[in-house]
């Protein structure tokens, strides 16, 4: 194990560290321009939030209706219906 580590160190020393001029970054470094906001992104964020809240209210109302229906069904004691 130690021999493999030493061999790896030798290869690293021979190859050297990559210089910063030849490396690529996943991010682009530039200053944000706060005078011109990204209105598309702002609209997308707000519309997504509004759509999720609308879906939440719709789902909640459906769940309440289902709860009430099951509660009524549970209270129904007629043996001739089923």
N, C-alpha and C. Protein backbone atom coordinates (compact mmCIF):
# COMPACT_ATOMS: atom_id res chain seq x y z
N UNK A 1 0.83 -1.19 0.00
CA UNK A 1 0.00 0.00 0.00
C UNK A 1 0.87 1.25 0.00
N UNK A 2 1.89 1.25 0.82
CA UNK A 2 2.77 2.41 0.90
C UNK A 2 3.52 2.62 -0.41
N UNK A 3 3.87 1.53 -1.08
CA UNK A 3 4.58 1.65 -2.35
C UNK A 3 3.69 2.31 -3.40
N UNK A 4 2.41 1.95 -3.38
CA UNK A 4 1.49 2.56 -4.35
C UNK A 4 1.33 4.05 -4.07
N UNK A 5 1.28 4.42 -2.81
CA UNK A 5 1.18 5.84 -2.47
C UNK A 5 2.41 6.62 -2.91
N UNK A 6 3.59 6.01 -2.71
CA UNK A 6 4.82 6.67 -3.13
C UNK A 6 4.87 6.81 -4.65
N UNK A 7 4.39 5.80 -5.35
CA UNK A 7 4.38 5.87 -6.82
C UNK A 7 3.44 6.98 -7.27
N UNK A 8 2.30 7.10 -6.60
CA UNK A 8 1.35 8.17 -6.93
C UNK A 8 1.94 9.54 -6.68
N UNK A 9 2.71 9.68 -5.59
CA UNK A 9 3.35 10.96 -5.29
C UNK A 9 4.38 11.31 -6.35
N UNK A 10 5.14 10.31 -6.79
CA UNK A 10 6.14 10.56 -7.83
C UNK A 10 5.48 11.01 -9.13
N UNK A 11 4.36 10.37 -9.48
CA UNK A 11 3.67 10.77 -10.71
C UNK A 11 3.13 12.19 -10.60
N UNK A 12 2.64 12.54 -9.43
CA UNK A 12 2.12 13.88 -9.23
C UNK A 12 3.25 14.91 -9.32
N UNK A 13 4.40 14.58 -8.79
CA UNK A 13 5.52 15.52 -8.84
C UNK A 13 6.03 15.68 -10.26
N UNK A 14 6.03 14.60 -11.03
CA UNK A 14 6.51 14.67 -12.41
C UNK A 14 5.52 15.45 -13.26
N UNK A 15 4.22 15.17 -13.08
CA UNK A 15 3.20 15.83 -13.90
C UNK A 15 3.06 17.30 -13.51
N UNK A 16 3.21 17.60 -12.25
CA UNK A 16 3.07 18.97 -11.79
C UNK A 16 1.61 19.35 -11.65
N UNK A 17 1.38 20.41 -10.96
CA UNK A 17 0.01 20.90 -10.78
C UNK A 17 -0.43 21.63 -12.03
N UNK A 18 -1.66 21.50 -12.41
CA UNK A 18 -2.11 22.23 -13.60
C UNK A 18 -2.11 23.73 -13.33
N UNK A 19 -1.69 24.47 -14.33
CA UNK A 19 -1.66 25.91 -14.14
C UNK A 19 -3.08 26.46 -14.26
N UNK A 20 -3.33 27.58 -13.65
CA UNK A 20 -4.66 28.15 -13.64
C UNK A 20 -5.10 28.64 -15.02
N UNK A 21 -4.15 28.92 -15.89
CA UNK A 21 -4.49 29.41 -17.21
C UNK A 21 -5.16 28.34 -18.06
N UNK A 22 -4.89 27.07 -17.78
CA UNK A 22 -5.42 26.00 -18.60
C UNK A 22 -6.57 25.25 -17.94
N UNK A 23 -7.01 25.69 -16.80
CA UNK A 23 -8.14 25.03 -16.16
C UNK A 23 -9.42 25.77 -16.51
N UNK A 24 -10.51 25.03 -16.50
CA UNK A 24 -11.81 25.63 -16.79
C UNK A 24 -12.65 25.62 -15.53
N UNK A 25 -13.40 26.65 -15.35
CA UNK A 25 -14.27 26.75 -14.19
C UNK A 25 -15.70 26.46 -14.63
N UNK A 26 -16.45 25.86 -13.72
CA UNK A 26 -17.86 25.59 -14.01
C UNK A 26 -18.69 26.85 -13.86
N UNK A 27 -18.16 27.86 -13.24
CA UNK A 27 -18.88 29.09 -12.99
C UNK A 27 -18.20 30.24 -13.71
N UNK A 28 -18.99 31.18 -14.15
CA UNK A 28 -18.46 32.37 -14.80
C UNK A 28 -18.43 33.48 -13.75
N UNK A 29 -17.28 34.03 -13.54
CA UNK A 29 -17.14 35.07 -12.53
C UNK A 29 -17.38 36.43 -13.19
N UNK A 30 -18.52 37.01 -12.91
CA UNK A 30 -18.79 38.37 -13.37
C UNK A 30 -19.66 39.05 -12.34
N UNK A 31 -19.62 40.35 -12.33
CA UNK A 31 -20.40 41.11 -11.35
C UNK A 31 -21.86 41.12 -11.75
N UNK A 32 -22.72 41.04 -10.75
CA UNK A 32 -24.16 41.10 -10.98
C UNK A 32 -24.54 42.54 -11.26
N UNK A 33 -25.42 42.72 -12.20
CA UNK A 33 -25.92 44.05 -12.52
C UNK A 33 -27.30 44.18 -11.86
N UNK A 34 -27.34 44.85 -10.72
CA UNK A 34 -28.59 44.98 -9.99
C UNK A 34 -29.50 46.06 -10.57
N UNK A 35 -29.00 46.85 -11.50
CA UNK A 35 -29.83 47.86 -12.15
C UNK A 35 -30.79 47.25 -13.17
N UNK A 36 -30.44 46.09 -13.70
CA UNK A 36 -31.29 45.40 -14.66
C UNK A 36 -31.55 43.97 -14.17
N UNK A 37 -32.61 43.79 -13.37
CA UNK A 37 -32.88 42.45 -12.84
C UNK A 37 -33.28 41.49 -13.95
N UNK A 38 -33.13 40.23 -13.67
CA UNK A 38 -33.52 39.18 -14.60
C UNK A 38 -35.03 38.98 -14.46
N UNK A 39 -35.81 39.73 -15.25
CA UNK A 39 -37.26 39.71 -15.08
C UNK A 39 -37.86 38.37 -15.45
N UNK A 40 -37.25 37.66 -16.36
CA UNK A 40 -37.74 36.32 -16.69
C UNK A 40 -37.62 35.40 -15.49
N UNK A 41 -36.49 35.43 -14.83
CA UNK A 41 -36.30 34.61 -13.64
C UNK A 41 -37.22 35.01 -12.50
N UNK A 42 -37.42 36.31 -12.33
CA UNK A 42 -38.32 36.80 -11.28
C UNK A 42 -39.74 36.33 -11.56
N UNK A 43 -40.19 36.50 -12.79
CA UNK A 43 -41.54 36.07 -13.18
C UNK A 43 -41.71 34.57 -13.04
N UNK A 44 -40.70 33.82 -13.44
CA UNK A 44 -40.76 32.36 -13.31
C UNK A 44 -40.86 31.94 -11.86
N UNK A 45 -40.10 32.58 -11.00
CA UNK A 45 -40.14 32.24 -9.57
C UNK A 45 -41.50 32.55 -8.96
N UNK A 46 -42.03 33.74 -9.24
CA UNK A 46 -43.32 34.12 -8.66
C UNK A 46 -44.47 33.30 -9.24
N UNK A 47 -44.43 33.02 -10.54
CA UNK A 47 -45.51 32.24 -11.13
C UNK A 47 -45.48 30.79 -10.63
N UNK A 48 -44.30 30.25 -10.44
CA UNK A 48 -44.19 28.90 -9.89
C UNK A 48 -44.73 28.86 -8.47
N UNK A 49 -44.40 29.87 -7.68
CA UNK A 49 -44.90 29.94 -6.31
C UNK A 49 -46.42 30.05 -6.30
N UNK A 50 -46.98 30.90 -7.15
CA UNK A 50 -48.43 31.06 -7.21
C UNK A 50 -49.10 29.76 -7.65
N UNK A 51 -48.52 29.08 -8.62
CA UNK A 51 -49.10 27.82 -9.09
C UNK A 51 -49.07 26.76 -8.00
N UNK A 52 -47.99 26.69 -7.25
CA UNK A 52 -47.90 25.71 -6.16
C UNK A 52 -48.91 26.01 -5.06
N UNK A 53 -49.10 27.29 -4.73
CA UNK A 53 -50.09 27.65 -3.71
C UNK A 53 -51.50 27.33 -4.20
N UNK A 54 -51.79 27.60 -5.47
CA UNK A 54 -53.11 27.27 -6.02
C UNK A 54 -53.35 25.78 -5.97
N UNK A 55 -52.35 25.00 -6.32
CA UNK A 55 -52.48 23.54 -6.25
C UNK A 55 -52.69 23.09 -4.81
N UNK A 56 -51.99 23.73 -3.87
CA UNK A 56 -52.14 23.38 -2.46
C UNK A 56 -53.56 23.64 -1.97
N UNK A 57 -54.13 24.81 -2.30
CA UNK A 57 -55.49 25.12 -1.89
C UNK A 57 -56.50 24.17 -2.55
N UNK A 58 -56.31 23.87 -3.82
CA UNK A 58 -57.20 22.96 -4.53
C UNK A 58 -57.15 21.58 -3.89
N UNK A 59 -55.96 21.08 -3.63
CA UNK A 59 -55.80 19.77 -3.02
C UNK A 59 -56.40 19.75 -1.61
N UNK A 60 -56.23 20.82 -0.86
CA UNK A 60 -56.78 20.90 0.48
C UNK A 60 -58.30 20.83 0.44
N UNK A 61 -58.92 21.57 -0.48
CA UNK A 61 -60.37 21.54 -0.60
C UNK A 61 -60.88 20.15 -1.00
N UNK A 62 -60.16 19.50 -1.90
CA UNK A 62 -60.55 18.13 -2.28
C UNK A 62 -60.42 17.18 -1.10
N UNK A 63 -59.37 17.34 -0.31
CA UNK A 63 -59.18 16.48 0.86
C UNK A 63 -60.27 16.71 1.89
N UNK A 64 -60.67 17.96 2.09
CA UNK A 64 -61.75 18.26 3.04
C UNK A 64 -63.06 17.63 2.56
N UNK A 65 -63.35 17.75 1.27
CA UNK A 65 -64.57 17.14 0.72
C UNK A 65 -64.56 15.63 0.88
N UNK A 66 -63.41 15.00 0.63
CA UNK A 66 -63.29 13.54 0.80
C UNK A 66 -63.46 13.15 2.27
N UNK A 67 -62.92 13.94 3.17
CA UNK A 67 -63.06 13.69 4.60
C UNK A 67 -64.53 13.75 5.02
N UNK A 68 -65.21 14.80 4.55
CA UNK A 68 -66.63 14.95 4.88
C UNK A 68 -67.46 13.80 4.31
N UNK A 69 -67.14 13.38 3.07
CA UNK A 69 -67.87 12.27 2.45
C UNK A 69 -67.68 10.99 3.24
N UNK A 70 -66.45 10.70 3.64
CA UNK A 70 -66.19 9.48 4.41
C UNK A 70 -66.80 9.54 5.79
N UNK A 71 -66.84 10.74 6.38
CA UNK A 71 -67.46 10.89 7.69
C UNK A 71 -68.96 10.61 7.60
N UNK A 72 -69.60 11.13 6.54
CA UNK A 72 -71.02 10.87 6.34
C UNK A 72 -71.27 9.39 6.07
N UNK A 73 -70.41 8.78 5.29
CA UNK A 73 -70.54 7.36 4.95
C UNK A 73 -70.39 6.49 6.20
N UNK A 74 -69.51 6.87 7.08
CA UNK A 74 -69.27 6.12 8.31
C UNK A 74 -70.47 6.20 9.25
N UNK A 75 -71.16 7.34 9.26
CA UNK A 75 -72.31 7.53 10.14
C UNK A 75 -73.56 6.84 9.60
N UNK A 76 -73.56 6.50 8.34
CA UNK A 76 -74.71 5.86 7.72
C UNK A 76 -74.78 4.41 8.18
N UNK A 77 -75.88 4.01 8.85
CA UNK A 77 -75.98 2.69 9.46
C UNK A 77 -76.99 1.78 8.74
N UNK A 78 -77.40 2.14 7.55
CA UNK A 78 -78.40 1.36 6.83
C UNK A 78 -77.77 0.05 6.31
N UNK A 79 -78.41 -1.08 6.57
CA UNK A 79 -77.87 -2.37 6.09
C UNK A 79 -78.42 -2.71 4.72
N UNK A 80 -79.46 -2.08 4.29
CA UNK A 80 -80.06 -2.38 3.00
C UNK A 80 -79.35 -1.71 1.82
N UNK A 81 -78.51 -0.73 2.06
CA UNK A 81 -77.85 0.01 0.98
C UNK A 81 -76.69 -0.79 0.36
N UNK A 82 -76.00 -1.53 1.17
CA UNK A 82 -74.81 -2.20 0.67
C UNK A 82 -75.01 -3.54 0.12
